[in-house]
Amino acid sequence: MLKTWGLTQGGTLKAKTSRSAGRAPKAPVEKPEQLVLNPYESVIILKPTLTDEEVAETLEKVKTIIEAAGGEIVSTDNWGKKKLAYEVKKERRGIYVVQHFKAKPATVLVLERHYRFSETVIKYMTVRIEESELGQSQPPKEDKAFSYRGRDSRGWR
């Protein structure tokens, strides 16, 4: 404990004791979540009426948002136009884009806010993935027309 002397308002000397006097001030400690870039996968479904230039422009905006927040894009896969399982925002088809990136958790909130207010995005989903899965997206499944042929061989009527 260190004693220092100081004047009170009345003009008398009074001893002040301080446990932290003489020590260097502590540096602010950053939370662990601020230091780590987590791996994420973002699947975006864009309007099918967009041209290639408009799709590239939308992806460039996403890249800008991620990099401005201190993240990095690992891979971007454009799967092209696919038929949706159900109608979304009066669209039956959509352009699928899969992005793998590393970012802080707060970046995902900003990114999904951009998706929500963007007119080119029909639907989106961003999930945290394992580090080993980063950059490895599964190839898109082929659009096959459903056929009722062969039902008899399985015993259906």
C-alpha atoms as a PDB file:
ATOM      1  CA  MET A   1       0.000   0.000   0.000  1.00  0.00           C
ATOM      2  CA  LEU A   2       1.355   3.396  -0.962  1.00  0.00           C
ATOM      3  CA  LYS A   3       0.667   6.589   0.989  1.00  0.00           C
ATOM      4  CA  THR A   4       0.452   9.961  -0.679  1.00  0.00           C
ATOM      5  CA  TRP A   5      -0.329  13.283   0.891  1.00  0.00           C
ATOM      6  CA  GLY A   6      -2.943  15.684  -0.355  1.00  0.00           C
ATOM      7  CA  LEU A   7      -4.775  18.788   0.730  1.00  0.00           C
ATOM      8  CA  THR A   8      -8.420  18.636   1.720  1.00  0.00           C
ATOM      9  CA  GLN A   9     -10.920  21.395   0.998  1.00  0.00           C
ATOM     10  CA  GLY A  10     -10.287  22.866   4.441  1.00  0.00           C
ATOM     11  CA  GLY A  11      -6.556  23.218   3.732  1.00  0.00           C
ATOM     12  CA  THR A  12      -5.310  20.462   6.033  1.00  0.00           C
ATOM     13  CA  LEU A  13      -2.935  17.698   4.997  1.00  0.00           C
ATOM     14  CA  LYS A  14      -4.419  14.241   4.847  1.00  0.00           C
ATOM     15  CA  ALA A  15      -2.807  10.923   3.938  1.00  0.00           C
ATOM     16  CA  LYS A  16      -4.332   9.099   0.993  1.00  0.00           C
ATOM     17  CA  THR A  17      -3.745   5.402   0.603  1.00  0.00           C
ATOM     18  CA  SER A  18      -3.992   3.728  -2.740  1.00  0.00           C
ATOM     19  CA  ARG A  19      -3.403   0.141  -3.685  1.00  0.00           C
ATOM     20  CA  SER A  20      -3.067   0.881  -7.381  1.00  0.00           C
ATOM     21  CA  ALA A  21      -0.814   3.941  -7.063  1.00  0.00           C
ATOM     22  CA  GLY A  22       2.535   3.404  -8.730  1.00  0.00           C
ATOM     23  CA  ARG A  23       1.319   0.584 -10.997  1.00  0.00           C
ATOM     24  CA  ALA A  24       0.956   0.900 -14.721  1.00  0.00           C
ATOM     25  CA  PRO A  25      -2.664   1.101 -15.908  1.00  0.00           C
ATOM     26  CA  LYS A  26      -4.039  -2.095 -17.371  1.00  0.00           C
ATOM     27  CA  ALA A  27      -4.632  -2.252 -21.099  1.00  0.00           C
ATOM     28  CA  PRO A  28      -8.248  -2.909 -22.059  1.00  0.00           C
ATOM     29  CA  VAL A  29      -8.752  -6.615 -22.615  1.00  0.00           C
ATOM     30  CA  GLU A  30     -10.538  -7.580 -25.805  1.00  0.00           C
ATOM     31  CA  LYS A  31     -13.123 -10.301 -25.583  1.00  0.00           C
ATOM     32  CA  PRO A  32     -12.123 -13.615 -27.206  1.00  0.00           C
ATOM     33  CA  GLU A  33     -14.964 -13.314 -29.732  1.00  0.00           C
ATOM     34  CA  GLN A  34     -13.426 -10.076 -31.014  1.00  0.00           C
ATOM     35  CA  LEU A  35     -10.098 -11.768 -31.715  1.00  0.00           C
ATOM     36  CA  VAL A  36     -11.298 -14.885 -33.530  1.00  0.00           C
ATOM     37  CA  LEU A  37     -12.531 -15.057 -37.114  1.00  0.00           C
ATOM     38  CA  ASN A  38     -15.076 -17.862 -37.306  1.00  0.00           C
ATOM     39  CA  PRO A  39     -15.740 -19.812 -40.523  1.00  0.00           C
ATOM     40  CA  TYR A  40     -19.200 -19.323 -42.064  1.00  0.00           C
ATOM     41  CA  GLU A  41     -21.151 -20.577 -45.063  1.00  0.00           C
ATOM     42  CA  SER A  42     -23.750 -18.299 -46.600  1.00  0.00           C
ATOM     43  CA  VAL A  43     -26.275 -19.541 -49.164  1.00  0.00           C
ATOM     44  CA  ILE A  44     -28.014 -16.766 -51.070  1.00  0.00           C
ATOM     45  CA  ILE A  45     -30.880 -17.177 -53.533  1.00  0.00           C
ATOM     46  CA  LEU A  46     -31.095 -14.250 -55.938  1.00  0.00           C
ATOM     47  CA  LYS A  47     -33.891 -13.257 -58.300  1.00  0.00           C
ATOM     48  CA  PRO A  48     -33.764 -15.263 -61.559  1.00  0.00           C
ATOM     49  CA  THR A  49     -34.302 -12.139 -63.686  1.00  0.00           C
ATOM     50  CA  LEU A  50     -30.877 -10.705 -62.772  1.00  0.00           C
ATOM     51  CA  THR A  51     -28.169 -10.440 -65.409  1.00  0.00           C
ATOM     52  CA  ASP A  52     -24.632 -11.705 -64.817  1.00  0.00           C
ATOM     53  CA  GLU A  53     -23.456  -8.124 -64.196  1.00  0.00           C
ATOM     54  CA  GLU A  54     -26.140  -7.561 -61.541  1.00  0.00           C
ATOM     55  CA  VAL A  55     -25.241 -10.841 -59.818  1.00  0.00           C
ATOM     56  CA  ALA A  56     -21.560  -9.832 -59.811  1.00  0.00           C
ATOM     57  CA  GLU A  57     -22.496  -6.404 -58.429  1.00  0.00           C
ATOM     58  CA  THR A  58     -24.520  -7.970 -55.600  1.00  0.00           C
ATOM     59  CA  LEU A  59     -21.667 -10.327 -54.712  1.00  0.00           C
ATOM     60  CA  GLU A  60     -19.223  -7.411 -54.766  1.00  0.00           C
ATOM     61  CA  LYS A  61     -21.386  -5.576 -52.206  1.00  0.00           C
ATOM     62  CA  VAL A  62     -21.338  -8.665 -49.970  1.00  0.00           C
ATOM     63  CA  LYS A  63     -17.558  -8.902 -50.330  1.00  0.00           C
ATOM     64  CA  THR A  64     -17.204  -5.225 -49.403  1.00  0.00           C
ATOM     65  CA  ILE A  65     -19.308  -5.691 -46.250  1.00  0.00           C
ATOM     66  CA  ILE A  66     -17.285  -8.706 -45.101  1.00  0.00           C
ATOM     67  CA  GLU A  67     -13.896  -7.123 -45.784  1.00  0.00           C
ATOM     68  CA  ALA A  68     -14.893  -3.802 -44.184  1.00  0.00           C
ATOM     69  CA  ALA A  69     -15.627  -5.682 -40.952  1.00  0.00           C
ATOM     70  CA  GLY A  70     -12.213  -7.377 -40.972  1.00  0.00           C
ATOM     71  CA  GLY A  71     -13.252 -10.686 -42.547  1.00  0.00           C
ATOM     72  CA  GLU A  72     -12.073 -12.521 -45.626  1.00  0.00           C
ATOM     73  CA  ILE A  73     -13.887 -14.453 -48.346  1.00  0.00           C
ATOM     74  CA  VAL A  74     -12.455 -17.921 -48.939  1.00  0.00           C
ATOM     75  CA  SER A  75     -14.616 -19.078 -51.862  1.00  0.00           C
ATOM     76  CA  THR A  76     -17.669 -18.095 -53.908  1.00  0.00           C
ATOM     77  CA  ASP A  77     -19.577 -20.672 -55.955  1.00  0.00           C
ATOM     78  CA  ASN A  78     -22.334 -19.624 -58.347  1.00  0.00           C
ATOM     79  CA  TRP A  79     -24.574 -22.662 -58.826  1.00  0.00           C
ATOM     80  CA  GLY A  80     -26.764 -20.948 -61.422  1.00  0.00           C
ATOM     81  CA  LYS A  81     -30.537 -21.018 -61.827  1.00  0.00           C
ATOM     82  CA  LYS A  82     -32.355 -23.775 -59.967  1.00  0.00           C
ATOM     83  CA  LYS A  83     -35.982 -24.581 -59.374  1.00  0.00           C
ATOM     84  CA  LEU A  84     -37.156 -23.711 -55.855  1.00  0.00           C
ATOM     85  CA  ALA A  85     -38.982 -26.286 -53.747  1.00  0.00           C
ATOM     86  CA  TYR A  86     -41.817 -23.809 -53.219  1.00  0.00           C
ATOM     87  CA  GLU A  87     -42.693 -20.316 -54.379  1.00  0.00           C
ATOM     88  CA  VAL A  88     -40.816 -17.557 -52.558  1.00  0.00           C
ATOM     89  CA  LYS A  89     -41.701 -13.889 -53.143  1.00  0.00           C
ATOM     90  CA  LYS A  90     -43.681 -14.911 -56.239  1.00  0.00           C
ATOM     91  CA  GLU A  91     -40.627 -16.634 -57.788  1.00  0.00           C
ATOM     92  CA  ARG A  92     -40.402 -20.322 -58.728  1.00  0.00           C
ATOM     93  CA  ARG A  93     -36.721 -20.273 -59.709  1.00  0.00           C
ATOM     94  CA  GLY A  94     -33.655 -18.599 -58.243  1.00  0.00           C
ATOM     95  CA  ILE A  95     -29.917 -18.113 -58.729  1.00  0.00           C
ATOM     96  CA  TYR A  96     -28.062 -19.995 -55.991  1.00  0.00           C
ATOM     97  CA  VAL A  97     -24.751 -18.622 -54.675  1.00  0.00           C
ATOM     98  CA  VAL A  98     -22.689 -20.276 -51.909  1.00  0.00           C
ATOM     99  CA  GLN A  99     -20.002 -18.276 -50.124  1.00  0.00           C
ATOM    100  CA  HIS A 100     -17.490 -19.449 -47.547  1.00  0.00           C
ATOM    101  CA  PHE A 101     -15.859 -16.752 -45.467  1.00  0.00           C
ATOM    102  CA  LYS A 102     -14.143 -16.011 -42.159  1.00  0.00           C
ATOM    103  CA  ALA A 103     -15.547 -13.190 -40.054  1.00  0.00           C
ATOM    104  CA  LYS A 104     -16.396 -11.978 -36.578  1.00  0.00           C
ATOM    105  CA  PRO A 105     -19.808 -12.947 -35.208  1.00  0.00           C
ATOM    106  CA  ALA A 106     -21.025  -9.335 -35.404  1.00  0.00           C
ATOM    107  CA  THR A 107     -20.327  -9.309 -39.151  1.00  0.00           C
ATOM    108  CA  VAL A 108     -23.019 -11.933 -39.740  1.00  0.00           C
ATOM    109  CA  LEU A 109     -25.646  -9.600 -38.274  1.00  0.00           C
ATOM    110  CA  VAL A 110     -24.601  -6.786 -40.607  1.00  0.00           C
ATOM    111  CA  LEU A 111     -24.494  -9.145 -43.580  1.00  0.00           C
ATOM    112  CA  GLU A 112     -27.946 -10.606 -42.928  1.00  0.00           C
ATOM    113  CA  ARG A 113     -29.346  -7.103 -42.483  1.00  0.00           C
ATOM    114  CA  HIS A 114     -28.025  -6.298 -45.964  1.00  0.00           C
ATOM    115  CA  TYR A 115     -29.649  -9.473 -47.338  1.00  0.00           C
ATOM    116  CA  ARG A 116     -32.963  -8.613 -45.690  1.00  0.00           C
ATOM    117  CA  PHE A 117     -33.180  -5.139 -47.245  1.00  0.00           C
ATOM    118  CA  SER A 118     -31.696  -6.018 -50.631  1.00  0.00           C
ATOM    119  CA  GLU A 119     -34.211  -6.269 -53.470  1.00  0.00           C
ATOM    120  CA  THR A 120     -32.105  -8.796 -55.374  1.00  0.00           C
ATOM    121  CA  VAL A 121     -32.049 -11.409 -52.581  1.00  0.00           C
ATOM    122  CA  ILE A 122     -35.043 -13.758 -52.348  1.00  0.00           C
ATOM    123  CA  LYS A 123     -33.830 -15.948 -49.496  1.00  0.00           C
ATOM    124  CA  TYR A 124     -30.631 -16.433 -47.492  1.00  0.00           C
ATOM    125  CA  MET A 125     -29.106 -18.521 -44.734  1.00  0.00           C
ATOM    126  CA  THR A 126     -25.763 -18.136 -42.969  1.00  0.00           C
ATOM    127  CA  VAL A 127     -24.411 -20.882 -40.702  1.00  0.00           C
ATOM    128  CA  ARG A 128     -21.176 -21.408 -38.814  1.00  0.00           C
ATOM    129  CA  ILE A 129     -19.203 -24.375 -40.136  1.00  0.00           C
ATOM    130  CA  GLU A 130     -16.163 -26.351 -39.071  1.00  0.00           C
ATOM    131  CA  GLU A 131     -12.735 -25.094 -40.095  1.00  0.00           C
ATOM    132  CA  SER A 132     -12.153 -28.307 -42.098  1.00  0.00           C
ATOM    133  CA  GLU A 133     -15.276 -27.636 -44.259  1.00  0.00           C
ATOM    134  CA  LEU A 134     -14.159 -24.131 -45.213  1.00  0.00           C
ATOM    135  CA  GLY A 135     -13.889 -23.751 -48.984  1.00  0.00           C
ATOM    136  CA  GLN A 136     -15.466 -27.133 -49.718  1.00  0.00           C
ATOM    137  CA  SER A 137     -19.012 -26.724 -50.966  1.00  0.00           C
ATOM    138  CA  GLN A 138     -20.930 -29.680 -52.309  1.00  0.00           C
ATOM    139  CA  PRO A 139     -21.718 -29.491 -56.007  1.00  0.00           C
ATOM    140  CA  PRO A 140     -25.341 -28.676 -56.831  1.00  0.00           C
ATOM    141  CA  LYS A 141     -27.719 -31.516 -57.533  1.00  0.00           C
ATOM    142  CA  GLU A 142     -29.030 -31.829 -61.047  1.00  0.00           C
ATOM    143  CA  ASP A 143     -32.598 -30.738 -61.727  1.00  0.00           C
ATOM    144  CA  LYS A 144     -34.275 -33.982 -62.709  1.00  0.00           C
ATOM    145  CA  ALA A 145     -37.841 -34.158 -63.867  1.00  0.00           C
ATOM    146  CA  PHE A 146     -39.905 -36.387 -61.616  1.00  0.00           C
ATOM    147  CA  SER A 147     -41.235 -39.450 -63.381  1.00  0.00           C
ATOM    148  CA  TYR A 148     -43.953 -41.837 -62.298  1.00  0.00           C
ATOM    149  CA  ARG A 149     -42.459 -44.593 -64.455  1.00  0.00           C
ATOM    150  CA  GLY A 150     -41.218 -47.542 -62.567  1.00  0.00           C
ATOM    151  CA  ARG A 151     -43.827 -47.343 -59.837  1.00  0.00           C
ATOM    152  CA  ASP A 152     -45.152 -50.757 -60.683  1.00  0.00           C
ATOM    153  CA  SER A 153     -41.735 -52.279 -60.115  1.00  0.00           C
ATOM    154  CA  ARG A 154     -41.808 -50.945 -56.542  1.00  0.00           C
ATOM    155  CA  GLY A 155     -45.331 -52.223 -55.911  1.00  0.00           C
ATOM    156  CA  TRP A 156     -47.137 -48.864 -55.961  1.00  0.00           C
ATOM    157  CA  ARG A 157     -50.522 -48.492 -57.616  1.00  0.00           C
END
